[in-house]
Amino acid sequence: MKSVQITASVLAFAAASALPAFARDQIQVTGSSTVLPYATIVAEAFGENFDFPTPVVEGGGSGAGRKKMCEGVGENTVDIANSSSRISQSDIDLCKTNGVEEIMEVRIGYDGIVFASAVSGPDFALTPLAVFNALGAKVVKDGALVDNASAMWSDADASLPAQAILAYVPGTKHGTREVFDVKVIEAGCKEAGALDLYMAVAEGADDKEKEGNAKKACHELRTDGKSVDIDGDYTETLARLDADKNAVGVFGLSFYENNTDKLKVATMSGIVPSTESIASGDYPVSRPLYFYVKKAHIGVIPGLQEYIDFFVSDDMAGPDGPLAAYGLVSDPELKATQAAVAAGTPMGPLE
């Protein structure tokens, strides 16, 4: 963990925010393993500089965290769900069913997902098409969908190394998986012509439902051991790569940047992943990071408003703050997020 330098403005903010404890006196946060290290940095700085206990921050996955937040209102339920993918309508519906009426959506910045392999291994110059041809359950051959029989990365793309295909990808409960599915696998499926072939046989009441089912078919990965879901966090993926130097793993950019002594990153569509290439929009596999706040707990759980204000402050989430030093790409619209958080603005309907 990188050290956090607390500025005079943070200390002044903390002094002005001190309140006596009541109700449950410790903020509870759960969810995304990608957001976990950022939230931990903020929680530790918050506990050291405010007259509130250090928040309890746990992982477990974006989807699991959102569902936990939506279990209901009260001191025995969590306050915040970290998420590396946007909340879904099914989450919102579950929240409403359990009495969670208002949710604040807080975007903290951006991250990218990267493909990386052993630092001693060959270079990989990947594209969505190559990844789909390597890992998709079915691929296009002679104009038809057939079971994927590629054994080597060079079978999927002749420019890639003649190395056996073995990829460790995030499990379905992780927010990272949604970005991987949509921006890599689905994009490759479309480029290969497979999406059109799936559309031709898709079932559905209308074109929109058919398209949705065709995209779901695109997301199906091979089950012959070439693509392996990882349900744990990135440390588990790294351990798998340590055990098999021929494997390729999917990581968040910040995790990779903190393990460059062990990992070699692949380019994607010719772009090297970095905070700069994500901030510019050049790197194609980036995503916003969020946390979701149960608004009913603000004013009841001590320090909750102060914590979320502190998280998105310039001192923490700004381009010169400790989160950026750890790998977060600062949000160019951070000021708008700060204003919405200060006003307690709940999220509106999903677009």
Protein backbone atom coordinates (compact mmCIF):
# COMPACT_ATOMS: atom_id res chain seq x y z
CA MET A 1 0.00 0.00 0.00
CA LYS A 2 1.39 3.37 -0.94
CA SER A 3 1.63 5.97 1.82
CA VAL A 4 -1.05 8.66 1.88
CA GLN A 5 -0.04 12.28 2.36
CA ILE A 6 -2.77 14.22 4.13
CA THR A 7 -2.99 17.89 3.18
CA ALA A 8 -3.98 20.80 5.38
CA SER A 9 -7.37 20.96 3.66
CA VAL A 10 -8.08 17.35 4.65
CA LEU A 11 -7.19 18.07 8.28
CA ALA A 12 -9.43 21.12 8.31
CA PHE A 13 -12.25 19.11 6.73
CA ALA A 14 -11.84 16.39 9.35
CA ALA A 15 -11.88 18.80 12.27
CA ALA A 16 -15.07 20.42 11.03
CA SER A 17 -16.79 17.07 10.53
CA ALA A 18 -16.35 15.53 14.00
CA LEU A 19 -19.63 14.29 15.47
CA PRO A 20 -20.52 12.15 18.49
CA ALA A 21 -21.10 8.46 17.72
CA PHE A 22 -24.58 6.98 17.64
CA ALA A 23 -26.37 3.95 16.15
CA ARG A 24 -23.86 1.58 14.50
CA ASP A 25 -20.67 3.60 14.64
CA GLN A 26 -18.66 1.96 11.84
CA ILE A 27 -19.35 2.35 8.13
CA GLN A 28 -19.64 -0.98 6.30
CA VAL A 29 -18.53 -1.29 2.68
CA THR A 30 -18.50 -4.36 0.44
CA GLY A 31 -18.26 -5.32 -3.24
CA SER A 32 -15.78 -5.00 -6.09
CA SER A 33 -12.27 -6.40 -5.72
CA THR A 34 -11.12 -3.76 -8.25
CA VAL A 35 -12.41 -0.87 -6.13
CA LEU A 36 -11.29 -2.58 -2.90
CA PRO A 37 -7.73 -1.16 -2.77
CA TYR A 38 -8.95 2.37 -3.51
CA ALA A 39 -11.65 2.14 -0.84
CA THR A 40 -9.10 0.73 1.61
CA ILE A 41 -6.76 3.68 1.03
CA VAL A 42 -9.63 6.11 1.65
CA ALA A 43 -10.94 4.20 4.68
CA GLU A 44 -7.53 4.13 6.37
CA ALA A 45 -6.94 7.85 5.75
CA PHE A 46 -10.46 8.58 6.95
CA GLY A 47 -9.93 6.64 10.19
CA GLU A 48 -6.60 8.36 10.82
CA ASN A 49 -7.83 11.90 10.23
CA PHE A 50 -11.47 12.00 11.29
CA ASP A 51 -13.15 11.41 14.65
CA PHE A 52 -14.93 8.35 13.28
CA PRO A 53 -13.88 4.69 13.35
CA THR A 54 -12.11 3.34 10.27
CA PRO A 55 -14.76 1.93 7.90
CA VAL A 56 -14.86 -1.83 7.39
CA VAL A 57 -14.13 -2.52 3.71
CA GLU A 58 -14.57 -6.01 2.21
CA GLY A 59 -14.44 -7.52 -1.28
CA GLY A 60 -16.56 -10.30 -2.75
CA GLY A 61 -17.41 -9.01 -6.21
CA SER A 62 -19.49 -6.17 -7.67
CA GLY A 63 -22.69 -8.12 -8.18
CA ALA A 64 -22.52 -9.74 -4.76
CA GLY A 65 -21.86 -6.37 -3.14
CA ARG A 66 -24.82 -4.69 -4.83
CA LYS A 67 -27.12 -7.53 -3.80
CA LYS A 68 -25.87 -7.27 -0.23
CA MET A 69 -26.57 -3.53 -0.21
CA CYS A 70 -30.07 -4.24 -1.47
CA GLU A 71 -30.95 -6.64 1.36
CA GLY A 72 -32.76 -3.86 3.20
CA VAL A 73 -32.39 -0.80 5.41
CA GLY A 74 -31.04 -0.83 8.96
CA GLU A 75 -27.93 -1.17 11.06
CA ASN A 76 -27.58 -4.86 10.19
CA THR A 77 -27.22 -4.06 6.46
CA VAL A 78 -24.24 -2.57 4.61
CA ASP A 79 -24.04 1.11 3.71
CA ILE A 80 -22.02 1.09 0.49
CA ALA A 81 -21.47 -1.30 -2.43
CA ASN A 82 -18.28 -0.81 -4.45
CA SER A 83 -18.70 -1.73 -8.10
CA SER A 84 -16.56 -1.98 -11.22
CA SER A 85 -19.69 -2.18 -13.38
CA ARG A 86 -22.83 -0.07 -13.33
CA ILE A 87 -25.75 -1.15 -11.20
CA SER A 88 -28.38 -3.15 -13.09
CA GLN A 89 -32.14 -2.71 -13.20
CA SER A 90 -32.52 -6.07 -11.44
CA ASP A 91 -30.40 -4.71 -8.57
CA ILE A 92 -32.57 -1.59 -8.37
CA ASP A 93 -35.72 -3.72 -8.40
CA LEU A 94 -34.33 -5.92 -5.60
CA CYS A 95 -33.49 -2.81 -3.57
CA LYS A 96 -37.03 -1.47 -3.93
CA THR A 97 -38.53 -4.83 -3.00
CA ASN A 98 -36.53 -4.73 0.24
CA GLY A 99 -37.31 -1.11 1.07
CA VAL A 100 -34.18 0.55 -0.31
CA GLU A 101 -35.83 3.39 -2.19
CA GLU A 102 -33.02 5.87 -2.89
CA ILE A 103 -29.49 5.04 -4.03
CA MET A 104 -26.67 7.46 -4.68
CA GLU A 105 -24.41 6.54 -7.60
CA VAL A 106 -20.87 7.85 -7.12
CA ARG A 107 -18.38 7.54 -9.97
CA ILE A 108 -14.85 7.68 -8.56
CA GLY A 109 -12.78 7.52 -11.75
CA TYR A 110 -11.74 5.10 -14.47
CA ASP A 111 -9.73 1.91 -14.79
CA GLY A 112 -8.85 -0.43 -17.64
CA ILE A 113 -8.77 -4.19 -17.86
CA VAL A 114 -5.57 -5.64 -19.23
CA PHE A 115 -4.24 -8.96 -20.43
CA ALA A 116 -0.92 -9.88 -18.89
CA SER A 117 1.40 -12.87 -18.79
CA ALA A 118 4.68 -13.87 -17.16
CA VAL A 119 7.28 -11.13 -17.45
CA SER A 120 9.71 -13.67 -18.94
CA GLY A 121 7.28 -14.78 -21.66
CA PRO A 122 6.68 -13.61 -25.23
CA ASP A 123 4.98 -10.38 -26.20
CA PHE A 124 1.24 -10.44 -26.95
CA ALA A 125 -0.35 -7.94 -29.34
CA LEU A 126 -4.02 -8.77 -28.88
CA THR A 127 -7.22 -7.63 -30.54
CA PRO A 128 -10.83 -8.38 -29.56
CA LEU A 129 -11.06 -10.60 -32.64
CA ALA A 130 -8.01 -12.64 -31.60
CA VAL A 131 -9.30 -13.09 -28.05
CA PHE A 132 -12.74 -14.15 -29.31
CA ASN A 133 -11.16 -16.62 -31.75
CA ALA A 134 -9.07 -18.05 -28.92
CA LEU A 135 -11.68 -18.21 -26.16
CA GLY A 136 -15.15 -18.13 -27.71
CA ALA A 137 -17.18 -21.33 -27.37
CA LYS A 138 -17.92 -21.23 -31.10
CA VAL A 139 -16.07 -19.48 -33.92
CA VAL A 140 -16.74 -18.84 -37.58
CA LYS A 141 -15.37 -21.31 -40.13
CA ASP A 142 -16.43 -21.36 -43.76
CA GLY A 143 -19.36 -19.09 -42.96
CA ALA A 144 -20.76 -21.25 -40.17
CA LEU A 145 -20.46 -21.46 -36.38
CA VAL A 146 -18.36 -24.39 -35.21
CA ASP A 147 -16.92 -25.51 -31.89
CA ASN A 148 -13.65 -23.75 -31.14
CA ALA A 149 -10.74 -26.14 -31.70
CA SER A 150 -7.84 -23.66 -31.55
CA ALA A 151 -4.98 -25.05 -29.48
CA MET A 152 -2.41 -22.27 -29.85
CA TRP A 153 -2.73 -18.49 -29.74
CA SER A 154 -1.23 -18.55 -33.23
CA ASP A 155 -4.26 -20.58 -34.36
CA ALA A 156 -6.49 -17.67 -33.32
CA ASP A 157 -4.22 -15.07 -34.93
CA ALA A 158 -1.13 -15.98 -36.93
CA SER A 159 0.76 -12.98 -35.51
CA LEU A 160 0.48 -14.28 -31.94
CA PRO A 161 2.96 -16.63 -30.23
CA ALA A 162 2.76 -20.36 -30.87
CA GLN A 163 1.89 -20.86 -27.22
CA ALA A 164 -0.86 -23.09 -25.86
CA ILE A 165 -4.05 -21.19 -25.10
CA LEU A 166 -4.73 -20.89 -21.39
CA ALA A 167 -6.53 -17.81 -20.09
CA TYR A 168 -7.64 -16.99 -16.58
CA VAL A 169 -10.62 -14.64 -16.83
CA PRO A 170 -12.78 -13.02 -14.13
CA GLY A 171 -15.73 -15.09 -12.97
CA THR A 172 -19.27 -14.01 -13.72
CA LYS A 173 -19.84 -12.38 -10.30
CA HIS A 174 -17.11 -9.81 -10.96
CA GLY A 175 -17.82 -6.43 -12.54
CA THR A 176 -14.67 -6.92 -14.60
CA ARG A 177 -16.36 -9.83 -16.39
CA GLU A 178 -19.05 -7.56 -17.84
CA VAL A 179 -16.42 -5.27 -19.39
CA PHE A 180 -14.46 -8.28 -20.64
CA ASP A 181 -17.62 -9.76 -22.20
CA VAL A 182 -18.84 -6.58 -23.89
CA LYS A 183 -15.68 -4.73 -24.91
CA VAL A 184 -13.53 -7.73 -25.81
CA ILE A 185 -15.53 -10.90 -26.50
CA GLU A 186 -18.64 -9.25 -27.95
CA ALA A 187 -16.58 -6.82 -30.02
CA GLY A 188 -14.55 -9.73 -31.40
CA CYS A 189 -17.69 -11.76 -32.03
CA LYS A 190 -19.13 -8.91 -34.08
CA GLU A 191 -15.92 -8.43 -36.08
CA ALA A 192 -15.71 -12.17 -36.81
CA GLY A 193 -19.26 -12.19 -38.19
CA ALA A 194 -20.41 -14.55 -35.46
CA LEU A 195 -22.93 -12.08 -34.03
CA ASP A 196 -24.79 -11.99 -37.35
CA LEU A 197 -24.86 -15.80 -37.44
CA TYR A 198 -26.18 -15.93 -33.88
CA MET A 199 -28.81 -13.29 -34.79
CA ALA A 200 -30.02 -15.47 -37.65
CA VAL A 201 -31.00 -18.25 -35.25
CA ALA A 202 -31.78 -16.23 -32.11
CA GLU A 203 -35.16 -16.56 -30.46
CA GLY A 204 -37.15 -13.62 -29.17
CA ALA A 205 -40.39 -11.70 -29.38
CA ASP A 206 -38.79 -8.82 -31.27
CA ASP A 207 -35.47 -7.74 -32.78
CA LYS A 208 -34.26 -6.23 -29.49
CA GLU A 209 -34.78 -9.48 -27.59
CA LYS A 210 -33.20 -11.47 -30.41
CA GLU A 211 -30.17 -9.21 -30.40
CA GLY A 212 -29.84 -9.57 -26.63
CA ASN A 213 -29.93 -13.35 -26.90
CA ALA A 214 -27.42 -13.31 -29.76
CA LYS A 215 -25.02 -11.22 -27.66
CA LYS A 216 -25.41 -13.62 -24.75
CA ALA A 217 -24.45 -16.44 -27.12
CA CYS A 218 -21.37 -14.43 -28.14
CA HIS A 219 -20.33 -14.24 -24.47
CA GLU A 220 -20.22 -18.02 -24.06
CA LEU A 221 -16.64 -19.19 -23.59
CA ARG A 222 -15.13 -22.57 -24.30
CA THR A 223 -15.34 -25.17 -21.52
CA ASP A 224 -12.44 -27.42 -22.50
CA GLY A 225 -9.98 -25.95 -20.01
CA LYS A 226 -8.59 -23.23 -22.30
CA SER A 227 -10.62 -20.51 -20.57
CA VAL A 228 -10.82 -20.70 -16.78
CA ASP A 229 -13.06 -18.52 -14.61
CA ILE A 230 -11.44 -17.05 -11.50
CA ASP A 231 -13.95 -16.30 -8.75
CA GLY A 232 -11.36 -14.84 -6.37
CA ASP A 233 -9.57 -11.53 -6.71
CA TYR A 234 -6.58 -10.63 -8.89
CA THR A 235 -4.14 -12.15 -6.40
CA GLU A 236 -5.61 -15.55 -7.23
CA THR A 237 -5.14 -14.92 -10.95
CA LEU A 238 -1.54 -13.89 -10.30
CA ALA A 239 -0.96 -17.06 -8.30
CA ARG A 240 -2.27 -19.13 -11.23
CA LEU A 241 0.15 -17.37 -13.59
CA ASP A 242 3.00 -17.98 -11.14
CA ALA A 243 2.13 -21.68 -11.28
CA ASP A 244 1.88 -21.80 -15.08
CA LYS A 245 4.13 -19.36 -16.93
CA ASN A 246 2.34 -20.06 -20.23
CA ALA A 247 -0.99 -18.65 -19.03
CA VAL A 248 -2.51 -15.25 -19.77
CA GLY A 249 -4.61 -13.49 -17.13
CA VAL A 250 -7.08 -10.62 -17.03
CA PHE A 251 -6.36 -7.90 -14.45
CA GLY A 252 -7.29 -4.35 -13.59
CA LEU A 253 -4.75 -1.80 -14.77
CA SER A 254 -3.83 -0.70 -11.26
CA PHE A 255 -3.14 -4.27 -10.15
CA TYR A 256 -0.87 -4.80 -13.14
CA GLU A 257 0.95 -1.51 -12.50
CA ASN A 258 1.68 -2.64 -8.96
CA ASN A 259 3.05 -5.99 -10.19
CA THR A 260 5.20 -5.06 -13.18
CA ASP A 261 8.05 -7.09 -11.74
CA LYS A 262 5.99 -10.23 -12.35
CA LEU A 263 3.75 -9.37 -15.29
CA LYS A 264 4.14 -8.31 -18.92
CA VAL A 265 1.14 -6.50 -20.33
CA ALA A 266 -0.33 -7.09 -23.79
CA THR A 267 -1.31 -4.33 -26.15
CA MET A 268 -4.94 -4.21 -27.25
CA SER A 269 -5.60 -3.09 -30.82
CA GLY A 270 -2.09 -1.65 -30.86
CA ILE A 271 -2.54 0.48 -27.72
CA VAL A 272 -0.47 0.03 -24.56
CA PRO A 273 -2.75 0.26 -21.50
CA SER A 274 -1.81 3.13 -19.20
CA THR A 275 -3.46 5.88 -17.21
CA GLU A 276 -2.66 8.22 -20.11
CA SER A 277 -4.16 6.03 -22.84
CA ILE A 278 -7.28 5.47 -20.73
CA ALA A 279 -7.66 9.16 -19.89
CA SER A 280 -7.36 10.02 -23.59
CA GLY A 281 -9.91 7.36 -24.58
CA ASP A 282 -7.39 5.59 -26.84
CA TYR A 283 -7.28 2.31 -24.91
CA PRO A 284 -10.41 0.40 -25.92
CA VAL A 285 -11.02 -1.67 -22.78
CA SER A 286 -11.61 0.86 -20.02
CA ARG A 287 -14.52 1.29 -17.63
CA PRO A 288 -15.80 3.69 -14.97
CA LEU A 289 -15.62 2.63 -11.32
CA TYR A 290 -18.43 3.35 -8.87
CA PHE A 291 -19.72 2.97 -5.40
CA TYR A 292 -23.39 2.98 -4.45
CA VAL A 293 -24.67 4.49 -1.21
CA LYS A 294 -27.88 3.60 0.61
CA LYS A 295 -29.22 7.13 1.13
CA ALA A 296 -31.47 6.10 4.03
CA HIS A 297 -28.29 5.47 6.07
CA ILE A 298 -26.94 9.02 5.63
CA GLY A 299 -27.51 10.91 8.86
CA VAL A 300 -28.00 7.62 10.72
CA ILE A 301 -24.63 5.90 10.34
CA PRO A 302 -22.03 8.28 11.81
CA GLY A 303 -19.54 9.63 9.31
CA LEU A 304 -21.20 8.23 6.19
CA GLN A 305 -21.69 11.60 4.50
CA GLU A 306 -18.21 12.67 5.56
CA TYR A 307 -16.71 9.47 4.14
CA ILE A 308 -18.30 9.83 0.71
CA ASP A 309 -17.39 13.53 0.56
CA PHE A 310 -13.82 12.64 1.50
CA PHE A 311 -13.61 9.81 -1.05
CA VAL A 312 -14.36 12.10 -4.01
CA SER A 313 -12.43 15.09 -2.69
CA ASP A 314 -9.56 16.50 -4.74
CA ASP A 315 -7.20 15.36 -1.97
CA MET A 316 -8.16 11.70 -2.53
CA ALA A 317 -9.64 11.22 -6.03
CA GLY A 318 -8.03 14.15 -7.82
CA PRO A 319 -5.22 13.73 -10.37
CA ASP A 320 -2.55 14.41 -7.72
CA GLY A 321 -4.15 12.32 -4.96
CA PRO A 322 -3.16 8.92 -3.55
CA LEU A 323 -5.77 7.05 -5.60
CA ALA A 324 -4.20 8.32 -8.82
CA ALA A 325 -0.80 7.32 -7.46
CA TYR A 326 -2.17 3.80 -7.00
CA GLY A 327 -3.49 3.67 -10.58
CA LEU A 328 -6.94 5.27 -10.68
CA VAL A 329 -7.55 7.48 -13.70
CA SER A 330 -9.05 10.65 -12.28
CA ASP A 331 -12.53 11.52 -13.53
CA PRO A 332 -12.53 14.71 -15.66
CA GLU A 333 -16.05 15.36 -14.30
CA LEU A 334 -15.03 14.97 -10.65
CA LYS A 335 -16.38 18.42 -9.73
CA ALA A 336 -19.87 17.41 -10.84
CA THR A 337 -19.63 14.23 -8.77
CA GLN A 338 -18.51 16.24 -5.73
CA ALA A 339 -21.51 18.56 -6.11
CA ALA A 340 -23.96 15.66 -6.47
CA VAL A 341 -22.51 13.93 -3.40
CA ALA A 342 -22.65 17.12 -1.33
CA ALA A 343 -26.28 17.62 -2.35
CA GLY A 344 -27.21 14.02 -1.62
CA THR A 345 -28.59 13.59 -5.14
CA PRO A 346 -30.04 10.09 -5.68
CA MET A 347 -29.55 8.39 -9.03
CA GLY A 348 -32.28 8.64 -11.60
CA PRO A 349 -33.59 5.88 -13.89
CA LEU A 350 -31.00 3.91 -15.83
CA GLU A 351 -30.43 5.15 -19.36
